[in-house]
Amino acid sequence: MNPNWKIDTIAVQGGYEPKSGEPRILPIIQSTTFKYDSAEHVTRLFDLEEAGFFYTRLANPTTDAFETKIAQMEGGVGAMATSSGQAATTLAILNICQAGQHVVAAGTLYGGTYNLFAVTLPKMGIEVTFVDPEAPAEVIRKAFRSTTRCLFAETIGNPGLNVLDFEKFAAIANEMQTPLIVDNTFATPYLCRPFEHGAHIVMHSATKYIDGHATSVGGVIVDGGTFNWSCGRFPDMVEPDISYHGMEYVKTFGSSAYIIKARVQLMRDLGTTPAPLNSFLFNLGLETLHLRMRRHSDNAMAVATFLESHPLVSWACYPGLASHPTHERALKYLPKGSSGVLTFGIKGGAEAGRKFMEATRLVALVVHVGDARSCVLHPASTTHRQLSAEQLESCGVSPDLIRLSVGIEDAGDIIADIDQALYASQK
């Protein structure tokens, strides 16, 4: 890759560089195994002395090209694709955190992530403390323990749409010698590159904007290569790994230690591998990401402006609006646009919201965001229904909240459909 390429060019031509006579388009290598002529060659692969492929659970040429491209777009040193966004979140944590240790996380997380942290990780012996991301730094620091191993947050909260105060969170993480892990799903690397603002690890649900067309479930973890794993708090990164020939990750792989360990230890043992076909589709999605995210953001801004002044709307929430509590951060960290998701409340509460969703025609009622097609959902009764009333409040999910993922259709058509559905909701 040309180091001078802009992100738009990397999106189209990064990751895969065909040689003379090879396919111009990234091929789908739908094979579990790879043939070699000598046992010595395979031994070098297993000992990580040479790059290559021997089993698709660990690495595959199609998946490798997608991983390389997303790492280039984020500005990281390496990436590992997974079978889902939830798998990416789970492995990102388990790679550096084990039973008896602790995580500090923003409380304004996607419901599935919140439940993973609040219920499932504690069953594994990993405790999680949720903090208000808007709290002063000294309050957030008090949540840390000697056993804390990471600080986790989202670039744009889901569905609260709060833009992360990167400066504050990065300062806390550095002071506490703890990596900052950021879910960049809603922003994508086109709208925000968290490594440039102090994050150490980035992950995505590739199912959303990276795919962009609601065809594939997957995730990806990207390593920024900037955290000091030799600070004395992460012995698994510096001491010999008895499960891998006594490998010392930092000594052997330097700045790529985190992502290499995630692959050869966790992916090896847990096997949350993406299908090569899905990796192909994710790579295809990245080729138009820069175009789609501009359109998503422009359309969402037009819809949010319309909703904010609509007589049947109680409130509208979108980081691009001047009325949004984190609007100034959106200008700072999301200068190209605030992505395609917004929320609002309809006069008449939850029942009016149900009628609204059932009255839309262009906008579809589906359990998804980040699609090229506009879609709508009521989080409190769907994606976040497993949470208690107190947890819903901490996540910013009110009973009347409607989440709208604005697609790339004509903005006027989207607004017209929303308008007629709003009036239908009052009947």
Protein backbone atom coordinates (compact mmCIF):
# COMPACT_ATOMS: atom_id res chain seq x y z
CA MET A 1 0.00 0.00 0.00
CA ASN A 2 1.17 3.50 -0.85
CA PRO A 3 1.67 5.27 2.53
CA ASN A 4 0.33 8.49 0.98
CA TRP A 5 -3.05 7.02 0.05
CA LYS A 6 -6.07 8.67 1.62
CA ILE A 7 -8.68 6.53 3.37
CA ASP A 8 -11.03 6.68 0.35
CA THR A 9 -8.36 5.02 -1.79
CA ILE A 10 -7.46 2.47 0.89
CA ALA A 11 -11.15 1.53 1.09
CA VAL A 12 -11.12 0.62 -2.59
CA GLN A 13 -7.61 -0.74 -3.14
CA GLY A 14 -6.11 -1.55 0.27
CA GLY A 15 -5.53 -4.99 1.70
CA TYR A 16 -5.23 -6.98 -1.51
CA GLU A 17 -2.49 -6.47 -4.11
CA PRO A 18 -2.79 -8.97 -6.99
CA LYS A 19 0.37 -10.01 -8.79
CA SER A 20 0.67 -10.31 -12.55
CA GLY A 21 -1.94 -12.72 -13.87
CA GLU A 22 -3.83 -12.99 -10.57
CA PRO A 23 -7.52 -12.04 -10.13
CA ARG A 24 -8.10 -8.28 -10.07
CA ILE A 25 -10.90 -8.77 -7.54
CA LEU A 26 -10.22 -10.43 -4.17
CA PRO A 27 -11.12 -14.12 -4.64
CA ILE A 28 -13.11 -16.23 -2.19
CA ILE A 29 -10.74 -18.93 -0.93
CA GLN A 30 -13.37 -21.38 0.29
CA SER A 31 -10.95 -23.97 1.62
CA THR A 32 -10.31 -25.22 5.12
CA THR A 33 -6.75 -26.34 4.40
CA PHE A 34 -3.71 -25.46 2.29
CA LYS A 35 -1.19 -27.79 0.60
CA TYR A 36 2.57 -27.67 1.17
CA ASP A 37 5.46 -29.62 -0.29
CA SER A 38 7.58 -29.98 2.84
CA ALA A 39 6.95 -30.74 6.49
CA GLU A 40 9.61 -28.20 7.41
CA HIS A 41 7.59 -25.42 5.78
CA VAL A 42 4.49 -26.36 7.80
CA THR A 43 6.59 -26.51 10.98
CA ARG A 44 7.78 -22.95 10.38
CA LEU A 45 4.17 -21.85 9.95
CA PHE A 46 3.10 -23.48 13.22
CA ASP A 47 6.08 -21.92 15.01
CA LEU A 48 5.09 -18.48 13.62
CA GLU A 49 8.49 -18.18 12.01
CA GLU A 50 6.93 -17.61 8.61
CA ALA A 51 3.70 -16.01 7.40
CA GLY A 52 1.21 -18.18 5.59
CA PHE A 53 -1.93 -20.26 5.86
CA PHE A 54 -2.47 -23.79 7.10
CA TYR A 55 -6.00 -23.90 8.52
CA THR A 56 -8.84 -21.43 7.99
CA ARG A 57 -9.81 -21.32 11.67
CA LEU A 58 -6.59 -19.35 12.25
CA ALA A 59 -6.06 -17.59 8.93
CA ASN A 60 -7.45 -17.56 5.40
CA PRO A 61 -6.29 -15.51 2.36
CA THR A 62 -9.69 -13.88 1.81
CA THR A 63 -10.10 -13.05 5.48
CA ASP A 64 -6.50 -11.86 5.66
CA ALA A 65 -7.13 -9.31 2.90
CA PHE A 66 -10.16 -7.94 4.75
CA GLU A 67 -8.19 -7.80 8.01
CA THR A 68 -5.30 -6.01 6.32
CA LYS A 69 -7.60 -3.43 4.76
CA ILE A 70 -9.50 -2.59 7.94
CA ALA A 71 -6.21 -2.30 9.85
CA GLN A 72 -4.94 0.10 7.18
CA MET A 73 -8.13 2.16 7.33
CA GLU A 74 -8.04 2.38 11.14
CA GLY A 75 -4.30 3.03 11.22
CA GLY A 76 -3.52 -0.09 13.28
CA VAL A 77 -0.73 -2.67 13.15
CA GLY A 78 -2.98 -5.66 12.58
CA ALA A 79 -6.51 -7.01 12.77
CA MET A 80 -8.38 -10.25 13.42
CA ALA A 81 -11.83 -10.95 11.99
CA THR A 82 -14.40 -12.89 14.00
CA SER A 83 -17.73 -14.61 13.41
CA SER A 84 -19.76 -11.77 14.98
CA GLY A 85 -19.44 -8.41 16.65
CA GLN A 86 -20.20 -10.06 19.99
CA ALA A 87 -17.31 -12.46 19.39
CA ALA A 88 -15.03 -9.51 18.67
CA THR A 89 -16.02 -7.82 21.94
CA THR A 90 -15.62 -11.04 23.91
CA LEU A 91 -12.19 -11.91 22.52
CA ALA A 92 -10.97 -8.31 22.85
CA ILE A 93 -11.63 -8.60 26.59
CA LEU A 94 -10.56 -12.22 27.16
CA ASN A 95 -7.24 -11.59 25.43
CA ILE A 96 -6.09 -9.51 28.40
CA CYS A 97 -8.56 -10.29 31.18
CA GLN A 98 -9.18 -13.50 33.10
CA ALA A 99 -10.99 -14.78 36.19
CA GLY A 100 -10.33 -12.56 39.20
CA GLN A 101 -9.77 -9.47 37.08
CA HIS A 102 -11.90 -6.45 36.32
CA VAL A 103 -13.20 -4.20 33.54
CA VAL A 104 -14.43 -0.60 33.69
CA ALA A 105 -17.00 0.16 30.99
CA ALA A 106 -19.19 3.06 29.93
CA GLY A 107 -22.77 2.40 31.00
CA THR A 108 -24.20 3.69 27.71
CA LEU A 109 -23.48 0.52 25.72
CA TYR A 110 -25.43 -1.50 23.19
CA GLY A 111 -27.76 -3.85 25.08
CA GLY A 112 -26.01 -7.02 23.93
CA THR A 113 -22.64 -5.70 25.08
CA TYR A 114 -24.12 -4.54 28.37
CA ASN A 115 -25.58 -7.97 29.04
CA LEU A 116 -22.29 -9.66 28.11
CA PHE A 117 -20.52 -7.46 30.67
CA ALA A 118 -23.22 -7.55 33.35
CA VAL A 119 -24.14 -11.25 33.22
CA THR A 120 -21.88 -13.49 31.17
CA LEU A 121 -18.39 -12.19 31.99
CA PRO A 122 -19.08 -12.33 35.75
CA LYS A 123 -19.95 -16.02 35.29
CA MET A 124 -16.39 -16.39 33.99
CA GLY A 125 -15.04 -14.61 37.06
CA ILE A 126 -14.50 -11.26 35.36
CA GLU A 127 -16.19 -8.38 37.19
CA VAL A 128 -17.37 -5.26 35.38
CA THR A 129 -18.09 -1.82 36.81
CA PHE A 130 -20.23 0.51 34.69
CA VAL A 131 -19.57 4.24 34.81
CA ASP A 132 -21.38 7.27 33.50
CA PRO A 133 -19.16 8.41 30.60
CA GLU A 134 -20.16 12.00 31.33
CA ALA A 135 -18.94 11.77 34.93
CA PRO A 136 -15.81 13.73 35.90
CA ALA A 137 -12.51 11.94 35.40
CA GLU A 138 -11.93 11.62 39.15
CA VAL A 139 -15.25 9.77 39.54
CA ILE A 140 -14.41 7.34 36.72
CA ARG A 141 -10.94 6.75 38.16
CA LYS A 142 -12.52 5.65 41.46
CA ALA A 143 -14.09 2.69 39.64
CA PHE A 144 -10.64 1.26 38.88
CA ARG A 145 -9.10 -1.49 40.99
CA SER A 146 -5.69 -3.09 41.13
CA THR A 147 -7.21 -5.89 39.03
CA THR A 148 -8.65 -3.63 36.31
CA ARG A 149 -7.33 -4.65 32.91
CA CYS A 150 -9.18 -2.45 30.42
CA LEU A 151 -11.45 0.56 29.94
CA PHE A 152 -14.23 -0.01 27.37
CA ALA A 153 -16.47 2.48 25.56
CA GLU A 154 -18.20 3.19 22.24
CA THR A 155 -17.32 6.05 19.87
CA ILE A 156 -21.05 6.71 19.53
CA GLY A 157 -23.23 5.15 22.22
CA ASN A 158 -26.00 2.81 21.12
CA PRO A 159 -28.75 3.94 21.34
CA GLY A 160 -27.98 7.02 23.49
CA LEU A 161 -25.82 8.47 20.66
CA ASN A 162 -23.45 10.14 23.11
CA VAL A 163 -20.09 10.89 21.47
CA LEU A 164 -17.20 9.65 23.60
CA ASP A 165 -14.95 12.18 25.29
CA PHE A 166 -11.80 10.57 23.91
CA GLU A 167 -9.48 13.08 25.54
CA LYS A 168 -10.83 12.28 29.01
CA PHE A 169 -11.02 8.51 28.54
CA ALA A 170 -7.56 8.26 26.95
CA ALA A 171 -6.03 10.29 29.78
CA ILE A 172 -7.65 8.04 32.39
CA ALA A 173 -6.52 4.88 30.58
CA ASN A 174 -2.95 6.09 30.32
CA GLU A 175 -2.83 7.22 33.94
CA MET A 176 -4.16 3.84 35.11
CA GLN A 177 -1.84 1.88 32.78
CA THR A 178 -4.88 0.26 31.22
CA PRO A 179 -5.70 -0.08 27.50
CA LEU A 180 -8.67 1.84 26.13
CA ILE A 181 -10.84 -0.45 23.97
CA VAL A 182 -13.32 1.37 21.73
CA ASP A 183 -16.27 -0.05 19.79
CA ASN A 184 -16.18 2.01 16.58
CA THR A 185 -19.13 0.30 14.88
CA PHE A 186 -21.40 3.32 14.44
CA ALA A 187 -18.65 5.71 13.36
CA THR A 188 -16.55 3.37 11.18
CA PRO A 189 -12.95 4.34 10.38
CA TYR A 190 -14.23 6.74 7.73
CA LEU A 191 -15.93 9.05 10.24
CA CYS A 192 -13.58 8.50 13.21
CA ARG A 193 -10.21 6.83 13.77
CA PRO A 194 -10.02 6.24 17.54
CA PHE A 195 -6.28 5.48 17.50
CA GLU A 196 -5.71 9.12 16.58
CA HIS A 197 -7.51 10.11 19.79
CA GLY A 198 -5.78 7.80 22.27
CA ALA A 199 -7.53 4.44 21.91
CA HIS A 200 -5.35 1.31 22.01
CA ILE A 201 -7.71 -1.36 20.66
CA VAL A 202 -10.67 -0.87 18.30
CA MET A 203 -13.40 -3.37 17.48
CA HIS A 204 -16.39 -3.41 15.15
CA SER A 205 -19.52 -5.32 14.50
CA ALA A 206 -18.78 -5.74 10.80
CA THR A 207 -22.43 -6.76 10.43
CA LYS A 208 -23.39 -3.09 10.39
CA TYR A 209 -21.84 -0.38 8.20
CA ILE A 210 -18.78 -2.40 7.12
CA ASP A 211 -21.04 -4.93 5.41
CA GLY A 212 -23.58 -2.22 4.74
CA HIS A 213 -26.13 -4.41 3.00
CA ALA A 214 -27.44 -6.74 5.76
CA THR A 215 -25.94 -9.87 4.19
CA SER A 216 -23.35 -11.08 6.72
CA VAL A 217 -22.71 -11.37 10.45
CA GLY A 218 -19.14 -10.77 11.61
CA GLY A 219 -16.77 -8.68 13.66
CA VAL A 220 -13.19 -7.50 13.73
CA ILE A 221 -10.60 -6.42 16.33
CA VAL A 222 -7.88 -3.94 15.36
CA ASP A 223 -4.67 -3.46 17.35
CA GLY A 224 -3.27 0.06 17.47
CA GLY A 225 0.15 -1.23 18.53
CA THR A 226 0.68 1.62 21.00
CA PHE A 227 0.00 0.16 24.45
CA ASN A 228 2.97 -0.74 26.66
CA TRP A 229 2.21 -4.36 27.54
CA SER A 230 5.51 -4.55 29.45
CA CYS A 231 4.24 -2.19 32.16
CA GLY A 232 4.09 -5.04 34.68
CA ARG A 233 0.31 -5.51 34.66
CA PHE A 234 -0.01 -8.00 31.78
CA PRO A 235 2.21 -11.02 32.47
CA ASP A 236 0.46 -13.11 29.79
CA MET A 237 1.83 -10.72 27.18
CA VAL A 238 5.45 -10.97 28.33
CA GLU A 239 5.88 -14.34 30.05
CA PRO A 240 6.24 -17.65 28.16
CA ASP A 241 2.95 -19.11 26.89
CA ILE A 242 3.07 -22.78 27.82
CA SER A 243 0.34 -23.52 25.29
CA TYR A 244 2.46 -22.18 22.42
CA HIS A 245 6.03 -23.49 22.77
CA GLY A 246 6.88 -20.94 25.46
CA MET A 247 6.18 -18.03 23.11
CA GLU A 248 6.83 -14.59 24.64
CA TYR A 249 4.51 -12.32 22.66
CA VAL A 250 5.98 -8.88 23.29
CA LYS A 251 9.56 -10.12 22.89
CA THR A 252 8.76 -11.91 19.65
CA PHE A 253 6.18 -9.63 18.02
CA GLY A 254 6.71 -6.21 19.59
CA SER A 255 3.88 -3.78 18.81
CA SER A 256 1.74 -6.56 17.27
CA ALA A 257 1.82 -8.72 20.41
CA TYR A 258 -1.84 -8.19 21.33
CA ILE A 259 -3.37 -9.17 18.00
CA ILE A 260 -0.99 -12.10 17.45
CA LYS A 261 -1.85 -13.49 20.88
CA ALA A 262 -5.57 -13.10 20.16
CA ARG A 263 -5.20 -15.19 17.03
CA VAL A 264 -2.82 -17.97 18.05
CA GLN A 265 -4.29 -18.41 21.53
CA LEU A 266 -7.95 -17.39 21.60
CA MET A 267 -9.00 -17.98 17.99
CA ARG A 268 -7.12 -21.27 18.13
CA ASP A 269 -9.03 -22.38 21.24
CA LEU A 270 -12.44 -20.73 20.84
CA GLY A 271 -12.76 -20.85 17.06
CA THR A 272 -15.02 -17.85 16.41
CA THR A 273 -13.92 -17.82 12.77
CA PRO A 274 -15.66 -15.88 9.98
CA ALA A 275 -16.59 -17.70 6.79
CA PRO A 276 -14.40 -16.70 3.81
CA LEU A 277 -17.54 -15.69 1.91
CA ASN A 278 -18.45 -13.24 4.69
CA SER A 279 -14.93 -11.82 4.68
CA PHE A 280 -15.28 -11.32 0.92
CA LEU A 281 -18.55 -9.44 1.45
CA PHE A 282 -17.04 -7.31 4.23
CA ASN A 283 -14.18 -6.37 1.95
CA LEU A 284 -16.69 -5.53 -0.78
CA GLY A 285 -18.58 -3.37 1.72
CA LEU A 286 -15.43 -1.46 2.62
CA GLU A 287 -14.98 -0.51 -1.04
CA THR A 288 -17.99 1.82 -0.82
CA LEU A 289 -17.85 2.68 2.88
CA HIS A 290 -16.60 6.22 2.29
CA LEU A 291 -19.43 6.92 -0.13
CA ARG A 292 -22.14 5.35 1.99
CA MET A 293 -21.11 6.99 5.28
CA ARG A 294 -21.30 10.43 3.69
CA ARG A 295 -24.81 9.70 2.43
CA HIS A 296 -25.91 8.07 5.70
CA SER A 297 -24.71 11.11 7.63
CA ASP A 298 -26.24 13.67 5.26
CA ASN A 299 -29.59 11.87 5.22
CA ALA A 300 -29.62 11.41 9.00
CA MET A 301 -28.93 15.10 9.49
CA ALA A 302 -31.83 16.00 7.19
CA VAL A 303 -34.19 13.59 8.98
CA ALA A 304 -33.08 14.74 12.45
CA THR A 305 -33.65 18.38 11.53
CA PHE A 306 -37.12 17.48 10.26
CA LEU A 307 -38.00 15.51 13.40
CA GLU A 308 -36.74 18.18 15.79
CA SER A 309 -39.35 20.61 14.52
CA HIS A 310 -42.22 18.15 13.97
CA PRO A 311 -45.34 18.82 16.08
CA LEU A 312 -45.85 15.12 16.86
CA VAL A 313 -42.27 14.52 18.05
CA SER A 314 -41.46 15.04 21.74
CA TRP A 315 -37.71 15.11 21.26
CA ALA A 316 -35.03 14.23 18.70
CA CYS A 317 -31.49 13.03 19.42
CA TYR A 318 -28.66 13.14 16.89
CA PRO A 319 -25.06 14.25 17.49
CA GLY A 320 -25.17 16.46 14.42
CA LEU A 321 -27.91 18.63 15.93
CA ALA A 322 -26.73 21.73 17.80
CA SER A 323 -29.15 20.76 20.59
CA HIS A 324 -27.40 17.44 21.26
CA PRO A 325 -25.47 17.36 24.57
CA THR A 326 -22.31 16.06 22.87
CA HIS A 327 -22.60 18.12 19.68
CA GLU A 328 -19.28 19.90 20.29
CA ARG A 329 -17.56 16.51 20.54
CA ALA A 330 -19.21 15.44 17.30
CA LEU A 331 -17.67 18.47 15.61
CA LYS A 332 -14.29 17.56 17.11
CA TYR A 333 -14.19 13.78 16.62
CA LEU A 334 -16.69 13.29 13.75
CA PRO A 335 -16.01 16.19 11.39
CA LYS A 336 -17.17 14.25 8.30
CA GLY A 337 -20.57 13.41 9.76
CA SER A 338 -22.32 11.84 12.73
CA SER A 339 -23.29 8.52 11.08
CA GLY A 340 -26.77 7.31 10.20
CA VAL A 341 -28.48 6.44 13.48
CA LEU A 342 -30.79 8.78 15.37
CA THR A 343 -33.44 8.45 18.05
CA PHE A 344 -36.64 10.29 18.84
CA GLY A 345 -39.78 10.11 20.95
CA ILE A 346 -43.33 10.35 19.63
CA LYS A 347 -46.08 12.14 21.46
CA GLY A 348 -48.30 9.39 22.78
CA GLY A 349 -45.45 7.27 24.18
CA ALA A 350 -44.80 3.59 23.58
CA GLU A 351 -48.21 2.83 22.04
CA ALA A 352 -47.84 5.64 19.51
CA GLY A 353 -44.35 4.35 18.79
CA ARG A 354 -45.72 0.90 18.01
CA LYS A 355 -48.28 2.37 15.63
CA PHE A 356 -45.58 4.49 14.00
CA MET A 357 -43.33 1.52 13.27
CA GLU A 358 -46.22 -0.48 11.86
CA ALA A 359 -47.27 2.45 9.64
CA THR A 360 -43.95 3.02 7.85
CA ARG A 361 -43.69 1.69 4.31
CA LEU A 362 -40.24 2.63 3.00
CA VAL A 363 -38.67 2.40 6.46
CA ALA A 364 -38.70 -1.26 7.56
CA LEU A 365 -39.21 -2.68 11.06
CA VAL A 366 -36.14 -4.90 11.45
CA VAL A 367 -33.64 -5.78 14.21
CA HIS A 368 -30.69 -4.08 12.57
CA VAL A 369 -28.82 -0.81 11.97
CA GLY A 370 -26.19 0.25 9.48
CA ASP A 371 -27.99 -1.03 6.41
CA ALA A 372 -28.19 0.78 3.07
CA ARG A 373 -31.96 0.58 3.63
CA SER A 374 -33.69 2.68 6.28
CA CYS A 375 -34.98 0.72 9.27
CA VAL A 376 -36.64 1.37 12.61
CA LEU A 377 -36.84 -0.32 16.02
CA HIS A 378 -38.14 0.15 19.58
CA PRO A 379 -35.07 -0.79 21.69
CA ALA A 380 -36.80 -1.08 25.09
CA SER A 381 -38.98 -3.94 23.84
CA THR A 382 -36.43 -5.57 21.50
CA THR A 383 -32.63 -5.21 21.60
CA HIS A 384 -32.58 -3.98 25.20
CA ARG A 385 -35.58 -5.90 26.58
CA GLN A 386 -33.34 -8.10 28.77
CA LEU A 387 -32.31 -5.08 30.84
CA SER A 388 -34.01 -3.87 34.02
CA ALA A 389 -35.70 -0.47 34.25
CA GLU A 390 -32.63 0.88 36.06
CA GLN A 391 -30.27 -0.52 33.42
CA LEU A 392 -32.42 0.90 30.63
CA GLU A 393 -32.22 4.30 32.26
CA SER A 394 -28.44 4.08 32.59
CA CYS A 395 -28.21 3.18 28.90
CA GLY A 396 -30.39 6.15 27.96
CA VAL A 397 -33.28 3.99 26.72
CA SER A 398 -36.66 5.55 27.58
CA PRO A 399 -39.98 3.75 26.95
CA ASP A 400 -40.87 6.08 24.08
CA LEU A 401 -37.49 5.95 22.36
CA ILE A 402 -37.57 5.01 18.68
CA ARG A 403 -34.26 4.17 16.98
CA LEU A 404 -34.06 5.02 13.30
CA SER A 405 -31.21 3.85 11.09
CA VAL A 406 -31.32 6.21 8.13
CA GLY A 407 -30.38 4.56 4.85
CA ILE A 408 -28.99 5.92 1.60
CA GLU A 409 -32.30 6.33 -0.22
CA ASP A 410 -33.51 9.77 -1.28
CA ALA A 411 -33.80 11.90 1.85
CA GLY A 412 -37.11 13.39 0.72
CA ASP A 413 -38.67 9.96 0.32
CA ILE A 414 -37.49 8.91 3.79
CA ILE A 415 -38.91 12.07 5.36
CA ALA A 416 -42.24 11.68 3.55
CA ASP A 417 -42.62 8.12 4.85
CA ILE A 418 -41.76 9.18 8.39
CA ASP A 419 -44.19 12.08 8.22
CA GLN A 420 -47.17 9.96 7.17
CA ALA A 421 -46.33 7.34 9.81
CA LEU A 422 -46.16 10.00 12.52
CA TYR A 423 -49.69 11.11 11.74
CA ALA A 424 -50.86 7.49 11.52
CA SER A 425 -49.44 6.89 15.01
CA GLN A 426 -51.94 9.31 16.52
CA LYS A 427 -55.05 7.55 15.22
